[in-house]
Amino acid sequence: MGAAASMPAARAGAWEVGIPHATRVTRLYRASLRTSRDWLIDREVWLVDAARIQNAFHSQKGVGVAAGRVLADRAAETLIEHRHPEPYVPIYMEGGSSYQRNVPPPPELTEQSMPPPEHAFK
């Protein structure tokens, strides 16, 4: 299921080539939290899962570089395996249900359609 799901470009940052290890781990952590949020609707339940994810990352904090790369690779595989087929998109972001709904008109159009200030209140 996870391999068949598409990955939005905004979530593909953890898989960039040539980024430092600390940056990759940080991106994996944030992606793990987002993936968990996709699956858990209730915020209280998600907070418990977020604490579990945080403990999992903090428990491996002092490992060596080689072991850290192996752990990061495993975390990336697990993340891909568990990703949601339809990830949550905030309603105001591109792809959300209210994206660009009731967008205010451009200022140049608004200024043209309003009467001059001296004639507005006569």
N, C-alpha and C. Protein backbone atom coordinates (compact mmCIF):
# COMPACT_ATOMS: atom_id res chain seq x y z
N MET A 1 0.82 -1.18 0.00
CA MET A 1 0.00 0.00 0.00
C MET A 1 0.87 1.25 0.00
N GLY A 2 1.90 1.31 0.85
CA GLY A 2 2.71 2.51 0.95
C GLY A 2 3.48 2.80 -0.32
N ALA A 3 3.97 1.76 -1.00
CA ALA A 3 4.76 1.99 -2.21
C ALA A 3 3.88 2.52 -3.33
N ALA A 4 2.60 2.20 -3.31
CA ALA A 4 1.70 2.65 -4.37
C ALA A 4 1.28 4.10 -4.17
N ALA A 5 1.43 4.62 -2.96
CA ALA A 5 1.01 5.99 -2.69
C ALA A 5 2.03 6.97 -3.24
N SER A 6 1.53 8.07 -3.74
CA SER A 6 2.44 9.08 -4.27
C SER A 6 2.98 9.94 -3.13
N MET A 7 4.11 10.56 -3.37
CA MET A 7 4.69 11.43 -2.36
C MET A 7 4.68 12.86 -2.88
N PRO A 8 4.00 13.78 -2.18
CA PRO A 8 4.03 15.17 -2.61
C PRO A 8 5.46 15.71 -2.58
N ALA A 9 5.74 16.64 -3.45
CA ALA A 9 7.09 17.19 -3.55
C ALA A 9 7.53 17.84 -2.24
N ALA A 10 6.59 18.39 -1.50
CA ALA A 10 6.94 19.04 -0.23
C ALA A 10 7.42 18.04 0.81
N ARG A 11 7.07 16.78 0.65
CA ARG A 11 7.47 15.76 1.63
C ARG A 11 8.66 14.94 1.18
N ALA A 12 9.23 15.24 0.05
CA ALA A 12 10.33 14.45 -0.48
C ALA A 12 11.69 14.96 -0.03
N GLY A 13 11.74 15.93 0.86
CA GLY A 13 12.99 16.54 1.27
C GLY A 13 13.96 15.61 1.95
N ALA A 14 13.46 14.61 2.66
CA ALA A 14 14.35 13.70 3.38
C ALA A 14 15.12 12.79 2.45
N TRP A 15 14.73 12.74 1.19
CA TRP A 15 15.38 11.83 0.24
C TRP A 15 16.30 12.56 -0.73
N GLU A 16 16.60 13.83 -0.46
CA GLU A 16 17.53 14.56 -1.31
C GLU A 16 18.92 13.94 -1.21
N VAL A 17 19.67 14.01 -2.29
CA VAL A 17 21.02 13.47 -2.31
C VAL A 17 22.00 14.54 -1.85
N GLY A 18 22.94 14.16 -1.01
CA GLY A 18 24.01 15.05 -0.62
C GLY A 18 23.72 15.97 0.55
N ILE A 19 22.64 15.75 1.29
CA ILE A 19 22.38 16.59 2.45
C ILE A 19 23.11 16.02 3.66
N PRO A 20 23.48 16.86 4.63
CA PRO A 20 24.15 16.35 5.83
C PRO A 20 23.27 15.38 6.61
N HIS A 21 23.92 14.50 7.37
CA HIS A 21 23.20 13.46 8.10
C HIS A 21 22.22 14.07 9.11
N ALA A 22 22.65 15.11 9.83
CA ALA A 22 21.77 15.73 10.83
C ALA A 22 20.52 16.31 10.17
N THR A 23 20.69 16.91 9.00
CA THR A 23 19.54 17.46 8.28
C THR A 23 18.61 16.34 7.84
N ARG A 24 19.19 15.25 7.37
CA ARG A 24 18.37 14.11 6.92
C ARG A 24 17.57 13.53 8.08
N VAL A 25 18.20 13.39 9.24
CA VAL A 25 17.49 12.85 10.41
C VAL A 25 16.38 13.80 10.83
N THR A 26 16.65 15.09 10.82
CA THR A 26 15.62 16.07 11.18
C THR A 26 14.44 15.99 10.22
N ARG A 27 14.72 15.88 8.94
CA ARG A 27 13.64 15.77 7.95
C ARG A 27 12.88 14.47 8.10
N LEU A 28 13.58 13.39 8.40
CA LEU A 28 12.89 12.12 8.64
C LEU A 28 11.98 12.20 9.86
N TYR A 29 12.46 12.87 10.90
CA TYR A 29 11.65 13.04 12.11
C TYR A 29 10.38 13.81 11.80
N ARG A 30 10.53 14.94 11.11
CA ARG A 30 9.36 15.74 10.77
C ARG A 30 8.41 14.99 9.83
N ALA A 31 8.97 14.26 8.87
CA ALA A 31 8.13 13.47 7.96
C ALA A 31 7.40 12.37 8.72
N SER A 32 8.07 11.79 9.72
CA SER A 32 7.41 10.77 10.54
C SER A 32 6.23 11.35 11.30
N LEU A 33 6.41 12.55 11.84
CA LEU A 33 5.30 13.20 12.54
C LEU A 33 4.14 13.51 11.59
N ARG A 34 4.47 13.98 10.39
CA ARG A 34 3.41 14.28 9.41
C ARG A 34 2.68 13.01 8.99
N THR A 35 3.42 11.95 8.77
CA THR A 35 2.79 10.68 8.38
C THR A 35 1.90 10.17 9.49
N SER A 36 2.35 10.30 10.71
CA SER A 36 1.52 9.88 11.85
C SER A 36 0.26 10.72 11.91
N ARG A 37 0.38 12.03 11.65
CA ARG A 37 -0.79 12.90 11.66
C ARG A 37 -1.78 12.53 10.56
N ASP A 38 -1.26 12.03 9.42
CA ASP A 38 -2.15 11.62 8.34
C ASP A 38 -3.05 10.46 8.77
N TRP A 39 -2.51 9.57 9.58
CA TRP A 39 -3.26 8.38 9.98
C TRP A 39 -4.15 8.61 11.19
N LEU A 40 -3.76 9.51 12.09
CA LEU A 40 -4.49 9.71 13.34
C LEU A 40 -5.20 11.06 13.32
N ILE A 41 -6.51 11.02 13.31
CA ILE A 41 -7.31 12.23 13.21
C ILE A 41 -7.41 12.93 14.56
N ASP A 42 -7.62 12.16 15.61
CA ASP A 42 -7.78 12.72 16.95
C ASP A 42 -6.45 13.27 17.46
N ARG A 43 -6.41 14.52 17.84
CA ARG A 43 -5.16 15.16 18.26
C ARG A 43 -4.58 14.52 19.52
N GLU A 44 -5.42 14.13 20.46
CA GLU A 44 -4.92 13.52 21.70
C GLU A 44 -4.22 12.19 21.40
N VAL A 45 -4.79 11.42 20.52
CA VAL A 45 -4.17 10.14 20.13
C VAL A 45 -2.88 10.41 19.37
N TRP A 46 -2.90 11.44 18.51
CA TRP A 46 -1.70 11.76 17.74
C TRP A 46 -0.57 12.23 18.66
N LEU A 47 -0.89 12.98 19.71
CA LEU A 47 0.15 13.45 20.63
C LEU A 47 0.85 12.28 21.32
N VAL A 48 0.11 11.24 21.64
CA VAL A 48 0.72 10.04 22.23
C VAL A 48 1.66 9.39 21.22
N ASP A 49 1.22 9.28 19.98
CA ASP A 49 2.06 8.69 18.93
C ASP A 49 3.27 9.58 18.64
N ALA A 50 3.09 10.89 18.68
CA ALA A 50 4.21 11.81 18.46
C ALA A 50 5.26 11.65 19.55
N ALA A 51 4.83 11.45 20.78
CA ALA A 51 5.77 11.21 21.88
C ALA A 51 6.52 9.89 21.67
N ARG A 52 5.84 8.88 21.15
CA ARG A 52 6.50 7.60 20.85
C ARG A 52 7.56 7.78 19.78
N ILE A 53 7.23 8.54 18.74
CA ILE A 53 8.19 8.80 17.66
C ILE A 53 9.38 9.59 18.20
N GLN A 54 9.11 10.58 19.02
CA GLN A 54 10.19 11.38 19.60
C GLN A 54 11.11 10.52 20.45
N ASN A 55 10.55 9.64 21.26
CA ASN A 55 11.38 8.75 22.09
C ASN A 55 12.20 7.81 21.23
N ALA A 56 11.64 7.33 20.13
CA ALA A 56 12.38 6.44 19.23
C ALA A 56 13.58 7.15 18.62
N PHE A 57 13.41 8.40 18.23
CA PHE A 57 14.53 9.16 17.65
C PHE A 57 15.56 9.52 18.72
N HIS A 58 15.09 9.94 19.91
CA HIS A 58 16.02 10.33 20.97
C HIS A 58 16.80 9.14 21.53
N SER A 59 16.22 7.97 21.50
CA SER A 59 16.92 6.80 22.05
C SER A 59 18.14 6.41 21.20
N GLN A 60 18.15 6.81 19.94
CA GLN A 60 19.27 6.48 19.04
C GLN A 60 20.20 7.67 18.81
N LYS A 61 20.11 8.68 19.65
CA LYS A 61 20.83 9.93 19.41
C LYS A 61 22.35 9.79 19.47
N GLY A 62 22.89 8.93 20.31
CA GLY A 62 24.34 8.86 20.50
C GLY A 62 25.05 7.81 19.68
N VAL A 63 24.43 7.25 18.67
CA VAL A 63 25.09 6.20 17.89
C VAL A 63 26.13 6.81 16.95
N GLY A 64 27.01 5.97 16.44
CA GLY A 64 28.05 6.43 15.52
C GLY A 64 27.51 6.80 14.16
N VAL A 65 28.40 7.31 13.32
CA VAL A 65 27.99 7.79 12.00
C VAL A 65 27.49 6.65 11.11
N ALA A 66 28.23 5.56 11.06
CA ALA A 66 27.84 4.43 10.19
C ALA A 66 26.52 3.83 10.67
N ALA A 67 26.40 3.62 11.98
CA ALA A 67 25.16 3.08 12.52
C ALA A 67 24.01 4.06 12.32
N GLY A 68 24.31 5.36 12.41
CA GLY A 68 23.28 6.38 12.19
C GLY A 68 22.75 6.36 10.77
N ARG A 69 23.65 6.14 9.80
CA ARG A 69 23.19 6.06 8.41
C ARG A 69 22.30 4.85 8.19
N VAL A 70 22.68 3.73 8.80
CA VAL A 70 21.85 2.52 8.68
C VAL A 70 20.48 2.77 9.30
N LEU A 71 20.46 3.39 10.47
CA LEU A 71 19.18 3.69 11.13
C LEU A 71 18.35 4.67 10.31
N ALA A 72 18.99 5.66 9.72
CA ALA A 72 18.25 6.61 8.88
C ALA A 72 17.68 5.92 7.65
N ASP A 73 18.43 5.01 7.06
CA ASP A 73 17.91 4.26 5.91
C ASP A 73 16.72 3.41 6.31
N ARG A 74 16.81 2.76 7.47
CA ARG A 74 15.68 1.95 7.95
C ARG A 74 14.46 2.83 8.24
N ALA A 75 14.71 4.01 8.83
CA ALA A 75 13.60 4.93 9.12
C ALA A 75 12.93 5.39 7.83
N ALA A 76 13.72 5.65 6.80
CA ALA A 76 13.16 6.07 5.52
C ALA A 76 12.33 4.95 4.90
N GLU A 77 12.82 3.73 4.98
CA GLU A 77 12.05 2.59 4.45
C GLU A 77 10.75 2.42 5.21
N THR A 78 10.80 2.53 6.53
CA THR A 78 9.59 2.40 7.34
C THR A 78 8.61 3.52 7.03
N LEU A 79 9.14 4.71 6.83
CA LEU A 79 8.28 5.85 6.51
C LEU A 79 7.57 5.65 5.18
N ILE A 80 8.29 5.18 4.18
CA ILE A 80 7.69 4.93 2.87
C ILE A 80 6.65 3.82 2.98
N GLU A 81 6.95 2.82 3.78
CA GLU A 81 6.03 1.69 3.95
C GLU A 81 4.72 2.10 4.62
N HIS A 82 4.79 3.06 5.54
CA HIS A 82 3.61 3.45 6.32
C HIS A 82 2.93 4.71 5.84
N ARG A 83 3.38 5.31 4.76
CA ARG A 83 2.75 6.57 4.36
C ARG A 83 1.31 6.37 3.92
N HIS A 84 0.54 7.41 4.10
CA HIS A 84 -0.89 7.39 3.83
C HIS A 84 -1.14 7.60 2.34
N PRO A 85 -2.12 6.89 1.76
CA PRO A 85 -2.41 7.07 0.33
C PRO A 85 -2.96 8.45 0.00
N GLU A 86 -3.64 9.08 0.95
CA GLU A 86 -4.16 10.44 0.76
C GLU A 86 -3.74 11.28 1.95
N PRO A 87 -2.53 11.86 1.91
CA PRO A 87 -2.05 12.62 3.07
C PRO A 87 -2.90 13.86 3.33
N TYR A 88 -2.92 14.25 4.59
CA TYR A 88 -3.68 15.42 5.02
C TYR A 88 -3.07 16.68 4.43
N VAL A 89 -3.93 17.54 3.90
CA VAL A 89 -3.50 18.83 3.37
C VAL A 89 -4.32 19.89 4.10
N PRO A 90 -3.66 20.87 4.77
CA PRO A 90 -4.44 21.94 5.40
C PRO A 90 -5.32 22.63 4.36
N ILE A 91 -6.50 23.04 4.77
CA ILE A 91 -7.48 23.55 3.81
C ILE A 91 -7.01 24.80 3.07
N TYR A 92 -6.13 25.59 3.68
CA TYR A 92 -5.70 26.84 3.05
C TYR A 92 -4.47 26.66 2.15
N MET A 93 -3.87 25.45 2.14
CA MET A 93 -2.70 25.19 1.30
C MET A 93 -3.14 24.68 -0.07
N GLU A 94 -2.22 24.71 -1.03
CA GLU A 94 -2.54 24.23 -2.37
C GLU A 94 -2.95 22.76 -2.29
N GLY A 95 -4.09 22.45 -2.86
CA GLY A 95 -4.65 21.11 -2.77
C GLY A 95 -5.70 20.97 -1.69
N GLY A 96 -5.81 21.95 -0.79
CA GLY A 96 -6.81 21.95 0.26
C GLY A 96 -8.17 22.37 -0.27
N SER A 97 -9.22 22.09 0.47
CA SER A 97 -10.57 22.35 -0.01
C SER A 97 -10.91 23.83 -0.10
N SER A 98 -10.21 24.70 0.64
CA SER A 98 -10.49 26.13 0.59
C SER A 98 -9.37 26.93 -0.05
N TYR A 99 -8.47 26.26 -0.77
CA TYR A 99 -7.35 26.96 -1.38
C TYR A 99 -7.85 27.94 -2.42
N GLN A 100 -7.49 29.19 -2.26
CA GLN A 100 -7.87 30.31 -3.12
C GLN A 100 -9.38 30.47 -3.26
N ARG A 101 -10.11 30.12 -2.24
CA ARG A 101 -11.54 30.37 -2.25
C ARG A 101 -11.77 31.77 -1.71
N ASN A 102 -12.60 32.54 -2.38
CA ASN A 102 -12.89 33.92 -2.01
C ASN A 102 -11.62 34.76 -1.94
N VAL A 103 -10.81 34.64 -2.95
CA VAL A 103 -9.59 35.42 -3.02
C VAL A 103 -9.95 36.88 -3.23
N PRO A 104 -9.36 37.79 -2.45
CA PRO A 104 -9.69 39.21 -2.66
C PRO A 104 -9.21 39.66 -4.03
N PRO A 105 -9.93 40.61 -4.65
CA PRO A 105 -9.51 41.08 -5.97
C PRO A 105 -8.20 41.84 -5.88
N PRO A 106 -7.49 41.93 -6.99
CA PRO A 106 -6.24 42.69 -6.98
C PRO A 106 -6.49 44.15 -6.61
N PRO A 107 -5.55 44.79 -5.92
CA PRO A 107 -5.77 46.17 -5.48
C PRO A 107 -6.02 47.14 -6.62
N GLU A 108 -5.38 46.93 -7.78
CA GLU A 108 -5.59 47.87 -8.88
C GLU A 108 -7.03 47.85 -9.38
N LEU A 109 -7.70 46.69 -9.31
CA LEU A 109 -9.10 46.63 -9.69
C LEU A 109 -9.99 47.28 -8.64
N THR A 110 -9.65 47.10 -7.40
CA THR A 110 -10.45 47.68 -6.31
C THR A 110 -10.37 49.20 -6.34
N GLU A 111 -9.19 49.73 -6.58
CA GLU A 111 -9.02 51.18 -6.61
C GLU A 111 -9.76 51.80 -7.79
N GLN A 112 -9.83 51.11 -8.91
CA GLN A 112 -10.52 51.64 -10.09
C GLN A 112 -12.03 51.67 -9.88
N SER A 113 -12.56 50.71 -9.14
CA SER A 113 -14.01 50.61 -9.01
C SER A 113 -14.56 51.50 -7.91
N MET A 114 -13.73 52.03 -7.03
CA MET A 114 -14.21 52.88 -5.93
C MET A 114 -14.22 54.33 -6.37
N PRO A 115 -15.19 55.11 -5.89
CA PRO A 115 -15.21 56.54 -6.23
C PRO A 115 -14.06 57.27 -5.54
N PRO A 116 -13.66 58.39 -6.07
CA PRO A 116 -12.61 59.18 -5.41
C PRO A 116 -13.04 59.58 -4.01
N PRO A 117 -12.12 59.73 -3.06
CA PRO A 117 -12.50 60.03 -1.68
C PRO A 117 -13.29 61.32 -1.49
N GLU A 118 -13.05 62.35 -2.31
CA GLU A 118 -13.77 63.62 -2.12
C GLU A 118 -15.24 63.49 -2.50
N HIS A 119 -15.59 62.52 -3.34
CA HIS A 119 -16.98 62.33 -3.75
C HIS A 119 -17.69 61.20 -2.98
N ALA A 120 -16.97 60.55 -2.11
CA ALA A 120 -17.53 59.37 -1.44
C ALA A 120 -18.61 59.71 -0.43
N PHE A 121 -18.50 60.83 0.27
CA PHE A 121 -19.43 61.11 1.36
C PHE A 121 -20.19 62.42 1.16
N LYS A 122 -20.58 62.79 -0.03
CA LYS A 122 -21.34 64.02 -0.26
C LYS A 122 -22.80 63.73 -0.30
